[in-house]
Amino acid sequence: AVIGVVILIVGGITLLVGWGLWTGRNWARWIAIIVFGLGALSNLINLSLGRFGSVISLIINGLIVYYLFTPHVKEFFKAAV
């Protein structure tokens, strides 16, 4: 039961952030940057431990973080330059 409640809470937070990204909320952009940045860091650690399967995830996470910092995306989210 506890696991189900945790999954529901995480799902609700994910929906909220997804809505924030869809509607151009800057706080959602920063949450996405943090989450995908931590994912990239985790993949770097896995890569250093010899788990070479994490290369693709590292590339995807890195590209998403890069994309969220491009000028047109920052303009969409009305972020300060």
PDB file of N, CA and C in Angstrom:
ATOM      1  N   ALA A   1       0.825  -1.194   0.000  1.00  0.00           N
ATOM      2  CA  ALA A   1       0.000   0.000   0.000  1.00  0.00           C
ATOM      3  C   ALA A   1       0.871   1.260   0.000  1.00  0.00           C
ATOM      4  N   VAL A   2       1.974   1.210   0.744  1.00  0.00           N
ATOM      5  CA  VAL A   2       2.859   2.381   0.811  1.00  0.00           C
ATOM      6  C   VAL A   2       3.477   2.649  -0.561  1.00  0.00           C
ATOM      7  N   ILE A   3       3.881   1.588  -1.236  1.00  0.00           N
ATOM      8  CA  ILE A   3       4.481   1.753  -2.559  1.00  0.00           C
ATOM      9  C   ILE A   3       3.473   2.371  -3.526  1.00  0.00           C
ATOM     10  N   GLY A   4       2.218   1.953  -3.421  1.00  0.00           N
ATOM     11  CA  GLY A   4       1.176   2.521  -4.279  1.00  0.00           C
ATOM     12  C   GLY A   4       0.974   4.003  -4.044  1.00  0.00           C
ATOM     13  N   VAL A   5       1.002   4.419  -2.781  1.00  0.00           N
ATOM     14  CA  VAL A   5       0.848   5.834  -2.457  1.00  0.00           C
ATOM     15  C   VAL A   5       2.030   6.631  -2.997  1.00  0.00           C
ATOM     16  N   VAL A   6       3.235   6.093  -2.850  1.00  0.00           N
ATOM     17  CA  VAL A   6       4.428   6.777  -3.356  1.00  0.00           C
ATOM     18  C   VAL A   6       4.342   6.921  -4.874  1.00  0.00           C
ATOM     19  N   ILE A   7       3.901   5.869  -5.553  1.00  0.00           N
ATOM     20  CA  ILE A   7       3.774   5.928  -7.011  1.00  0.00           C
ATOM     21  C   ILE A   7       2.737   6.971  -7.417  1.00  0.00           C
ATOM     22  N   LEU A   8       1.626   7.046  -6.690  1.00  0.00           N
ATOM     23  CA  LEU A   8       0.611   8.062  -6.986  1.00  0.00           C
ATOM     24  C   LEU A   8       1.150   9.473  -6.777  1.00  0.00           C
ATOM     25  N   ILE A   9       1.913   9.684  -5.725  1.00  0.00           N
ATOM     26  CA  ILE A   9       2.487  11.011  -5.459  1.00  0.00           C
ATOM     27  C   ILE A   9       3.479  11.397  -6.551  1.00  0.00           C
ATOM     28  N   VAL A  10       4.370  10.472  -6.910  1.00  0.00           N
ATOM     29  CA  VAL A  10       5.347  10.752  -7.960  1.00  0.00           C
ATOM     30  C   VAL A  10       4.641  11.003  -9.289  1.00  0.00           C
ATOM     31  N   GLY A  11       3.590  10.227  -9.567  1.00  0.00           N
ATOM     32  CA  GLY A  11       2.820  10.442 -10.789  1.00  0.00           C
ATOM     33  C   GLY A  11       2.160  11.808 -10.816  1.00  0.00           C
ATOM     34  N   GLY A  12       1.620  12.239  -9.673  1.00  0.00           N
ATOM     35  CA  GLY A  12       1.006  13.562  -9.595  1.00  0.00           C
ATOM     36  C   GLY A  12       2.015  14.670  -9.813  1.00  0.00           C
ATOM     37  N   ILE A  13       3.180  14.531  -9.230  1.00  0.00           N
ATOM     38  CA  ILE A  13       4.235  15.531  -9.417  1.00  0.00           C
ATOM     39  C   ILE A  13       4.674  15.566 -10.883  1.00  0.00           C
ATOM     40  N   THR A  14       4.795  14.388 -11.484  1.00  0.00           N
ATOM     41  CA  THR A  14       5.186  14.313 -12.894  1.00  0.00           C
ATOM     42  C   THR A  14       4.151  14.990 -13.784  1.00  0.00           C
ATOM     43  N   LEU A  15       2.871  14.752 -13.497  1.00  0.00           N
ATOM     44  CA  LEU A  15       1.811  15.419 -14.257  1.00  0.00           C
ATOM     45  C   LEU A  15       1.876  16.932 -14.089  1.00  0.00           C
ATOM     46  N   LEU A  16       2.129  17.392 -12.878  1.00  0.00           N
ATOM     47  CA  LEU A  16       2.216  18.825 -12.612  1.00  0.00           C
ATOM     48  C   LEU A  16       3.376  19.451 -13.387  1.00  0.00           C
ATOM     49  N   VAL A  17       4.534  18.803 -13.368  1.00  0.00           N
ATOM     50  CA  VAL A  17       5.691  19.330 -14.103  1.00  0.00           C
ATOM     51  C   VAL A  17       5.431  19.270 -15.604  1.00  0.00           C
ATOM     52  N   GLY A  18       4.809  18.200 -16.079  1.00  0.00           N
ATOM     53  CA  GLY A  18       4.469  18.102 -17.496  1.00  0.00           C
ATOM     54  C   GLY A  18       3.534  19.216 -17.918  1.00  0.00           C
ATOM     55  N   TRP A  19       2.530  19.511 -17.089  1.00  0.00           N
ATOM     56  CA  TRP A  19       1.628  20.622 -17.375  1.00  0.00           C
ATOM     57  C   TRP A  19       2.400  21.945 -17.384  1.00  0.00           C
ATOM     58  N   GLY A  20       3.322  22.104 -16.426  1.00  0.00           N
ATOM     59  CA  GLY A  20       4.123  23.322 -16.372  1.00  0.00           C
ATOM     60  C   GLY A  20       4.994  23.500 -17.603  1.00  0.00           C
ATOM     61  N   LEU A  21       5.575  22.413 -18.092  1.00  0.00           N
ATOM     62  CA  LEU A  21       6.371  22.495 -19.317  1.00  0.00           C
ATOM     63  C   LEU A  21       5.488  22.816 -20.515  1.00  0.00           C
ATOM     64  N   TRP A  22       4.323  22.204 -20.590  1.00  0.00           N
ATOM     65  CA  TRP A  22       3.408  22.416 -21.711  1.00  0.00           C
ATOM     66  C   TRP A  22       2.922  23.861 -21.778  1.00  0.00           C
ATOM     67  N   THR A  23       2.714  24.472 -20.606  1.00  0.00           N
ATOM     68  CA  THR A  23       2.183  25.831 -20.576  1.00  0.00           C
ATOM     69  C   THR A  23       3.272  26.895 -20.454  1.00  0.00           C
ATOM     70  N   GLY A  24       4.543  26.494 -20.500  1.00  0.00           N
ATOM     71  CA  GLY A  24       5.639  27.461 -20.525  1.00  0.00           C
ATOM     72  C   GLY A  24       5.993  28.055 -19.177  1.00  0.00           C
ATOM     73  N   ARG A  25       5.857  27.293 -18.127  1.00  0.00           N
ATOM     74  CA  ARG A  25       6.220  27.781 -16.787  1.00  0.00           C
ATOM     75  C   ARG A  25       7.720  27.584 -16.567  1.00  0.00           C
ATOM     76  N   ASN A  26       8.401  28.643 -16.159  1.00  0.00           N
ATOM     77  CA  ASN A  26       9.853  28.578 -15.996  1.00  0.00           C
ATOM     78  C   ASN A  26      10.262  27.657 -14.855  1.00  0.00           C
ATOM     79  N   TRP A  27       9.458  27.561 -13.796  1.00  0.00           N
ATOM     80  CA  TRP A  27       9.791  26.661 -12.693  1.00  0.00           C
ATOM     81  C   TRP A  27       9.828  25.214 -13.175  1.00  0.00           C
ATOM     82  N   ALA A  28       8.959  24.853 -14.119  1.00  0.00           N
ATOM     83  CA  ALA A  28       8.948  23.491 -14.648  1.00  0.00           C
ATOM     84  C   ALA A  28      10.194  23.237 -15.495  1.00  0.00           C
ATOM     85  N   ARG A  29      10.628  24.257 -16.223  1.00  0.00           N
ATOM     86  CA  ARG A  29      11.858  24.137 -17.009  1.00  0.00           C
ATOM     87  C   ARG A  29      13.048  23.860 -16.098  1.00  0.00           C
ATOM     88  N   TRP A  30      13.125  24.571 -14.975  1.00  0.00           N
ATOM     89  CA  TRP A  30      14.234  24.363 -14.045  1.00  0.00           C
ATOM     90  C   TRP A  30      14.166  23.003 -13.369  1.00  0.00           C
ATOM     91  N   ILE A  31      12.977  22.536 -13.062  1.00  0.00           N
ATOM     92  CA  ILE A  31      12.855  21.184 -12.493  1.00  0.00           C
ATOM     93  C   ILE A  31      13.334  20.158 -13.512  1.00  0.00           C
ATOM     94  N   ALA A  32      12.959  20.341 -14.783  1.00  0.00           N
ATOM     95  CA  ALA A  32      13.404  19.418 -15.829  1.00  0.00           C
ATOM     96  C   ALA A  32      14.925  19.463 -15.990  1.00  0.00           C
ATOM     97  N   ILE A  33      15.502  20.650 -15.937  1.00  0.00           N
ATOM     98  CA  ILE A  33      16.963  20.773 -16.037  1.00  0.00           C
ATOM     99  C   ILE A  33      17.635  20.015 -14.893  1.00  0.00           C
ATOM    100  N   ILE A  34      17.111  20.173 -13.688  1.00  0.00           N
ATOM    101  CA  ILE A  34      17.694  19.495 -12.525  1.00  0.00           C
ATOM    102  C   ILE A  34      17.557  17.981 -12.654  1.00  0.00           C
ATOM    103  N   VAL A  35      16.364  17.518 -13.015  1.00  0.00           N
ATOM    104  CA  VAL A  35      16.130  16.067 -13.103  1.00  0.00           C
ATOM    105  C   VAL A  35      16.991  15.439 -14.199  1.00  0.00           C
ATOM    106  N   PHE A  36      17.026  16.047 -15.389  1.00  0.00           N
ATOM    107  CA  PHE A  36      17.823  15.472 -16.466  1.00  0.00           C
ATOM    108  C   PHE A  36      19.315  15.655 -16.220  1.00  0.00           C
ATOM    109  N   GLY A  37      19.704  16.720 -15.534  1.00  0.00           N
ATOM    110  CA  GLY A  37      21.108  16.893 -15.151  1.00  0.00           C
ATOM    111  C   GLY A  37      21.547  15.826 -14.163  1.00  0.00           C
ATOM    112  N   LEU A  38      20.691  15.524 -13.184  1.00  0.00           N
ATOM    113  CA  LEU A  38      21.009  14.448 -12.239  1.00  0.00           C
ATOM    114  C   LEU A  38      21.051  13.098 -12.945  1.00  0.00           C
ATOM    115  N   GLY A  39      20.187  12.920 -13.940  1.00  0.00           N
ATOM    116  CA  GLY A  39      20.228  11.692 -14.728  1.00  0.00           C
ATOM    117  C   GLY A  39      21.535  11.556 -15.485  1.00  0.00           C
ATOM    118  N   ALA A  40      22.009  12.663 -16.053  1.00  0.00           N
ATOM    119  CA  ALA A  40      23.288  12.649 -16.764  1.00  0.00           C
ATOM    120  C   ALA A  40      24.435  12.359 -15.805  1.00  0.00           C
ATOM    121  N   LEU A  41      24.375  12.946 -14.621  1.00  0.00           N
ATOM    122  CA  LEU A  41      25.408  12.674 -13.614  1.00  0.00           C
ATOM    123  C   LEU A  41      25.407  11.202 -13.218  1.00  0.00           C
ATOM    124  N   SER A  42      24.227  10.647 -13.021  1.00  0.00           N
ATOM    125  CA  SER A  42      24.108   9.228 -12.692  1.00  0.00           C
ATOM    126  C   SER A  42      24.678   8.360 -13.817  1.00  0.00           C
ATOM    127  N   ASN A  43      24.412   8.746 -15.052  1.00  0.00           N
ATOM    128  CA  ASN A  43      24.956   7.988 -16.186  1.00  0.00           C
ATOM    129  C   ASN A  43      26.469   8.098 -16.267  1.00  0.00           C
ATOM    130  N   LEU A  44      27.009   9.259 -15.921  1.00  0.00           N
ATOM    131  CA  LEU A  44      28.466   9.397 -15.891  1.00  0.00           C
ATOM    132  C   LEU A  44      29.086   8.486 -14.843  1.00  0.00           C
ATOM    133  N   ILE A  45      28.436   8.400 -13.688  1.00  0.00           N
ATOM    134  CA  ILE A  45      28.928   7.505 -12.636  1.00  0.00           C
ATOM    135  C   ILE A  45      28.872   6.064 -13.105  1.00  0.00           C
ATOM    136  N   ASN A  46      27.745   5.684 -13.727  1.00  0.00           N
ATOM    137  CA  ASN A  46      27.629   4.321 -14.246  1.00  0.00           C
ATOM    138  C   ASN A  46      28.680   4.038 -15.304  1.00  0.00           C
ATOM    139  N   LEU A  47      28.944   5.022 -16.140  1.00  0.00           N
ATOM    140  CA  LEU A  47      29.958   4.857 -17.184  1.00  0.00           C
ATOM    141  C   LEU A  47      31.338   4.657 -16.562  1.00  0.00           C
ATOM    142  N   SER A  48      31.632   5.390 -15.498  1.00  0.00           N
ATOM    143  CA  SER A  48      32.930   5.244 -14.838  1.00  0.00           C
ATOM    144  C   SER A  48      33.063   3.887 -14.145  1.00  0.00           C
ATOM    145  N   LEU A  49      31.935   3.249 -13.854  1.00  0.00           N
ATOM    146  CA  LEU A  49      31.952   1.918 -13.244  1.00  0.00           C
ATOM    147  C   LEU A  49      31.979   0.807 -14.287  1.00  0.00           C
ATOM    148  N   GLY A  50      32.058   1.186 -15.543  1.00  0.00           N
ATOM    149  CA  GLY A  50      32.181   0.207 -16.609  1.00  0.00           C
ATOM    150  C   GLY A  50      30.868  -0.236 -17.209  1.00  0.00           C
ATOM    151  N   ARG A  51      29.802   0.426 -16.880  1.00  0.00           N
ATOM    152  CA  ARG A  51      28.491   0.088 -17.448  1.00  0.00           C
ATOM    153  C   ARG A  51      28.280   0.925 -18.710  1.00  0.00           C
ATOM    154  N   PHE A  52      28.737   0.384 -19.817  1.00  0.00           N
ATOM    155  CA  PHE A  52      28.770   1.158 -21.062  1.00  0.00           C
ATOM    156  C   PHE A  52      27.402   1.296 -21.720  1.00  0.00           C
ATOM    157  N   GLY A  53      26.409   0.603 -21.205  1.00  0.00           N
ATOM    158  CA  GLY A  53      25.061   0.744 -21.729  1.00  0.00           C
ATOM    159  C   GLY A  53      24.438   2.086 -21.406  1.00  0.00           C
ATOM    160  N   SER A  54      25.030   2.814 -20.474  1.00  0.00           N
ATOM    161  CA  SER A  54      24.471   4.102 -20.074  1.00  0.00           C
ATOM    162  C   SER A  54      24.899   5.246 -20.994  1.00  0.00           C
ATOM    163  N   VAL A  55      25.657   4.942 -22.029  1.00  0.00           N
ATOM    164  CA  VAL A  55      26.125   5.982 -22.948  1.00  0.00           C
ATOM    165  C   VAL A  55      24.946   6.638 -23.652  1.00  0.00           C
ATOM    166  N   ILE A  56      23.999   5.837 -24.112  1.00  0.00           N
ATOM    167  CA  ILE A  56      22.857   6.388 -24.848  1.00  0.00           C
ATOM    168  C   ILE A  56      22.016   7.270 -23.935  1.00  0.00           C
ATOM    169  N   SER A  57      21.778   6.821 -22.706  1.00  0.00           N
ATOM    170  CA  SER A  57      21.017   7.638 -21.748  1.00  0.00           C
ATOM    171  C   SER A  57      21.749   8.933 -21.432  1.00  0.00           C
ATOM    172  N   LEU A  58      23.067   8.863 -21.326  1.00  0.00           N
ATOM    173  CA  LEU A  58      23.868  10.058 -21.071  1.00  0.00           C
ATOM    174  C   LEU A  58      23.713  11.052 -22.213  1.00  0.00           C
ATOM    175  N   ILE A  59      23.762  10.570 -23.433  1.00  0.00           N
ATOM    176  CA  ILE A  59      23.624  11.448 -24.597  1.00  0.00           C
ATOM    177  C   ILE A  59      22.233  12.088 -24.620  1.00  0.00           C
ATOM    178  N   ILE A  60      21.202  11.293 -24.365  1.00  0.00           N
ATOM    179  CA  ILE A  60      19.834  11.818 -24.389  1.00  0.00           C
ATOM    180  C   ILE A  60      19.639  12.859 -23.290  1.00  0.00           C
ATOM    181  N   ASN A  61      20.069  12.549 -22.062  1.00  0.00           N
ATOM    182  CA  ASN A  61      19.941  13.513 -20.968  1.00  0.00           C
ATOM    183  C   ASN A  61      20.711  14.789 -21.257  1.00  0.00           C
ATOM    184  N   GLY A  62      21.922  14.651 -21.794  1.00  0.00           N
ATOM    185  CA  GLY A  62      22.725  15.825 -22.123  1.00  0.00           C
ATOM    186  C   GLY A  62      22.082  16.681 -23.197  1.00  0.00           C
ATOM    187  N   LEU A  63      21.501  16.044 -24.219  1.00  0.00           N
ATOM    188  CA  LEU A  63      20.834  16.798 -25.276  1.00  0.00           C
ATOM    189  C   LEU A  63      19.605  17.534 -24.754  1.00  0.00           C
ATOM    190  N   ILE A  64      18.869  16.920 -23.854  1.00  0.00           N
ATOM    191  CA  ILE A  64      17.691  17.579 -23.294  1.00  0.00           C
ATOM    192  C   ILE A  64      18.101  18.795 -22.476  1.00  0.00           C
ATOM    193  N   VAL A  65      19.134  18.656 -21.643  1.00  0.00           N
ATOM    194  CA  VAL A  65      19.606  19.799 -20.847  1.00  0.00           C
ATOM    195  C   VAL A  65      20.106  20.899 -21.777  1.00  0.00           C
ATOM    196  N   TYR A  66      20.863  20.538 -22.804  1.00  0.00           N
ATOM    197  CA  TYR A  66      21.337  21.531 -23.774  1.00  0.00           C
ATOM    198  C   TYR A  66      20.161  22.254 -24.431  1.00  0.00           C
ATOM    199  N   TYR A  67      19.159  21.489 -24.860  1.00  0.00           N
ATOM    200  CA  TYR A  67      17.993  22.070 -25.521  1.00  0.00           C
ATOM    201  C   TYR A  67      17.256  23.043 -24.608  1.00  0.00           C
ATOM    202  N   LEU A  68      17.153  22.717 -23.327  1.00  0.00           N
ATOM    203  CA  LEU A  68      16.441  23.598 -22.402  1.00  0.00           C
ATOM    204  C   LEU A  68      17.174  24.914 -22.154  1.00  0.00           C
ATOM    205  N   PHE A  69      18.431  24.992 -22.561  1.00  0.00           N
ATOM    206  CA  PHE A  69      19.193  26.236 -22.424  1.00  0.00           C
ATOM    207  C   PHE A  69      19.319  27.014 -23.736  1.00  0.00           C
ATOM    208  N   THR A  70      18.746  26.508 -24.818  1.00  0.00           N
ATOM    209  CA  THR A  70      18.833  27.243 -26.081  1.00  0.00           C
ATOM    210  C   THR A  70      17.978  28.506 -26.017  1.00  0.00           C
ATOM    211  N   PRO A  71      18.355  29.545 -26.774  1.00  0.00           N
ATOM    212  CA  PRO A  71      17.663  30.835 -26.662  1.00  0.00           C
ATOM    213  C   PRO A  71      16.155  30.789 -26.945  1.00  0.00           C
ATOM    214  N   HIS A  72      15.745  30.045 -27.961  1.00  0.00           N
ATOM    215  CA  HIS A  72      14.319  30.045 -28.276  1.00  0.00           C
ATOM    216  C   HIS A  72      13.498  29.322 -27.207  1.00  0.00           C
ATOM    217  N   VAL A  73      14.085  28.342 -26.559  1.00  0.00           N
ATOM    218  CA  VAL A  73      13.380  27.655 -25.472  1.00  0.00           C
ATOM    219  C   VAL A  73      13.310  28.563 -24.253  1.00  0.00           C
ATOM    220  N   LYS A  74      14.402  29.239 -23.945  1.00  0.00           N
ATOM    221  CA  LYS A  74      14.393  30.183 -22.826  1.00  0.00           C
ATOM    222  C   LYS A  74      13.385  31.293 -23.066  1.00  0.00           C
ATOM    223  N   GLU A  75      13.262  31.726 -24.317  1.00  0.00           N
ATOM    224  CA  GLU A  75      12.283  32.762 -24.641  1.00  0.00           C
ATOM    225  C   GLU A  75      10.860  32.245 -24.430  1.00  0.00           C
ATOM    226  N   PHE A  76      10.631  30.990 -24.820  1.00  0.00           N
ATOM    227  CA  PHE A  76       9.302  30.400 -24.628  1.00  0.00           C
ATOM    228  C   PHE A  76       8.927  30.370 -23.141  1.00  0.00           C
ATOM    229  N   PHE A  77       9.885  30.042 -22.313  1.00  0.00           N
ATOM    230  CA  PHE A  77       9.636  29.987 -20.883  1.00  0.00           C
ATOM    231  C   PHE A  77       9.805  31.340 -20.205  1.00  0.00           C
ATOM    232  N   LYS A  78      10.099  32.366 -21.003  1.00  0.00           N
ATOM    233  CA  LYS A  78      10.287  33.727 -20.506  1.00  0.00           C
ATOM    234  C   LYS A  78      11.324  33.789 -19.382  1.00  0.00           C
ATOM    235  N   ALA A  79      12.422  33.053 -19.621  1.00  0.00           N
ATOM    236  CA  ALA A  79      13.506  33.003 -18.638  1.00  0.00           C
ATOM    237  C   ALA A  79      14.435  34.193 -18.846  1.00  0.00           C
ATOM    238  N   ALA A  80      15.052  34.620 -17.778  1.00  0.00           N
ATOM    239  CA  ALA A  80      16.030  35.703 -17.857  1.00  0.00           C
ATOM    240  C   ALA A  80      17.285  35.158 -18.533  1.00  0.00           C
ATOM    241  N   VAL A  81      17.870  35.960 -19.404  1.00  0.00           N
ATOM    242  CA  VAL A  81      19.063  35.532 -20.141  1.00  0.00           C
ATOM    243  C   VAL A  81      20.252  35.643 -19.291  1.00  0.00           C
TER     244      VAL A  81
END
